[in-house]
Structure formats: C-alpha cells, structure tokens
Amino acid sequence: MGLKGRKLGEWPELAIQLAREKTVEMAGEGLRAESVHLALESYRADLEAKVQRQKLSDHSYQTYCTRIKQIDLAFGEREVFGDVTYKRIIEVLDTWIATKSNNHALELFAELRRFWKYSAPQLCNGRNVAASIPDDYVSSRVQRPAPTRLYTDIESIAKLWLNVAGCTSIHQKNAMRFMILTGMRPINVSNLQWDYIREDIKEIVYPAGIIGMRGAMKTQKEFRIPITTGIERILQEQKEWRDSVPGCNQQFVFLQPRNPELPFAKRSLDKLIKTYSPENAVKGIKHDGTVKGREGTFNTMCRKFFKSNVIAQMRAKGFSRSDTREISLLCLHHSDKSADPMAEHYDFSDEILQEEMALKKTAFEAHEASILTQVILLRKKG
C-alpha cells in the first residue's frame, strides 16, 4: 500500500527535509497501512492454522481468541499498526492495569507482545515497539498471583465421594469419582477414550503427541496409569451404560447427561465439585493474591489432595522422603527438572524393568484404600 494519508510527524520537530527523508525511508522499507484490527485478524488466522496442523489445542485457541478480542477493543478501527507508538501502547497497558484483574492484565500484556512480534516483520519492517517496553512494566504495578496454599483433607474427600452418589447422572457420579481416585486434570477426565483402556494389562494409556495429532496430556507425552479395583468398577459401570443406550457416543468414556452424543464437559466437573463438596472442605489461609480457592472449592482440589495423600501413604509404607516425592511426580505426570535431561532419549530401563508402573500401582492402590476406608467410617457414623 502507498504512503498516502500517513502521518509522518509534527512541525516544527519534523522539518520538511526530515519529512522527505523519512518518506523515502518508509517507502523503501515497505511499511504498510493495515490497521491494528486487520493485523489481529491475520494473527488469529495464524493461530487457527496451528490448530488445523494439530500444533495448538482448540481450548488454547479459544483462550487466545478471548485475549485477542480485548486487544481489538483497546485500539480504534482506524489506528494503523505501523503508526502505533510506544506511548500509545503504554496508554493501553495503563488502562488494563486500572480496569482488569492482576492476572488478566499480565496475560493481556504477554499476548500483546506475542501479537506485535508476529505482525511487526510483516507490517513495519520488523520495528517492534512492544519489545521495547520493560518486561516488568505490568508485573511491577500489579500483585502477581501467588500459588494457592489452600488444600483439603481426606474426610472432606470421603464426604465428596459419598455426596456425588446423589448426582442425577451416572456420568456425573463416575467422572467425579474417577477424578478423585486418579488425581487427573478435569480435561483428562473428559477426554478419556475407550481406546486408551488396555484391559489385557489393566492400564489406561493416554497417548503421546505425534506429527499430525495432539497428545491427550498437557505435556504431549504418553502417560500410563494402573487400573485399580475402584477404577475398574467405574469403567465397568460406564461400559454397561454404553452398551444399553443405542446412539450414544462410542468414543469417549464419560458423556454429557443431556446429550450422550457428546463427551463430558470439562466445566461440568468444576460445577460438580463446588456443588457436592462438604462445607469447610477447603483448608488453609487465603490472601489477596489467592486465585484458586478464593470462592471456595476449586477444580484441581482432588489433584492437590492426590499428591499429598500419595506422599503420606507411601511414607506410611516405609518409603523414604525422596522416594515418595519421586513417586508422586510419576503418578501426576509431573516433570522432574533436576532429572537427567537426556533420559527421554537414552534411558529405557523402565520399559525393560517396569519399575515405574509397579510403583504407580502401589501408590494408586494405597490412595484408593485410604479414601474408601474413610468412606466406610463415615457411613458407620451415619
């Protein structure tokens, strides 16, 4: 596009000779007059293409689109991308700091930088104004969210186990109980497929990401968990329901109660845990930076309890403190940053010895037994 209508600067700072030189420079560098809104649409299309190539999950794409919309609202329809100044971006950031939550302002700043990094080479010859903003511009003006120190105890988890028996759907009850027994993220409860279940070796295998297909787990690496007695009972109930209902979804284990053609919604687990958790289930101290648990129970509460309980149960079995920590990492598919960085490529000892699955089985069974024992005690109390 030409330079017609573009603002070069203001007199007297920009004298006629300087204006001529700047015009020649801009024309030579190939600056373009696309608006910020048009540049955002191009950025969004690039993210959508990543989803098509299986390099970005649909859930992440929707999150990015929500942030893109906020950036779109911050700029006018006629604002040219190449004309946006450092001062203008600072104005946008200050508005976000004043009107958005702390974490939201941080997320929008990060997204703005990614957008400018993508668009600057195409629309203003690589002049990335957003990159010159200090890294701590937003974080030094808002309180960064601190990891929540809230947790729950085994009695509350046992009460939750009993309470979900009152769910209106077998899918709701079993999805919640599966999350309690496995400590899985809500997304990995809703995306559990029948193909992942290996009945011959009593394992559930979440596949790794490969070229052209995203993996089931957040890390995009394979994750294997043992099928304990309690998990097997849940899967059997789901299988019997599936075989008795014609026309239901045959791919996913847990389905939507109102529409059994669709997989169970991740957000439904958030609502269920808030509805069926007992009073005062959340323990610990809340502070101004608390995000998860600020309004009560939260969706990863079962996952936090799983890690704590596995460590406690394995310590009771005589495992050392360092061993129990490593076992809890294995059970939750967490990475150990201090581990050998080349182990993924060279260490196949577990495939040979199967030690990891043996430890996982011991931990999962101990976790399950402790919960069900507490459930029995609560039932006896009435």
Foldseek 3Di string as FASTA:
>chain_A
DACPPPDPDDPPVCPPVNSVVVRVVQVVLPADFQAPVVLLVVVLVVVVVCVQQQNDPPVVSVVLVVLSVLVVVLDDNRHGPQPDALVSVVVSLVVCLVPPALVSSLVSLVSVQVSLCVCCCPHPVNPRRSVPPDPCPSVVSHPAFDPDPKAFDLLLLLQLLVQLVPPPDLLSNLLLVVCLLQLAALQLSQQQWPVQADPVQQKGKFDADDRRHATSDPVSHIAIAGHDPVNVVSQVVLVVVVVVDPPAPRTHSRADPVHRVHTDDSVVLQVSCVVRGDPPRMDDDDDPSHDAQPVHHGRSNSNVNLLVQLLVLVVVVPDDNVVSNVLSCNSHVHDDPVDDPCCVPPPPVCVVVVPNNVSNVVSSVSSVVSSVVSSVVVVVVD
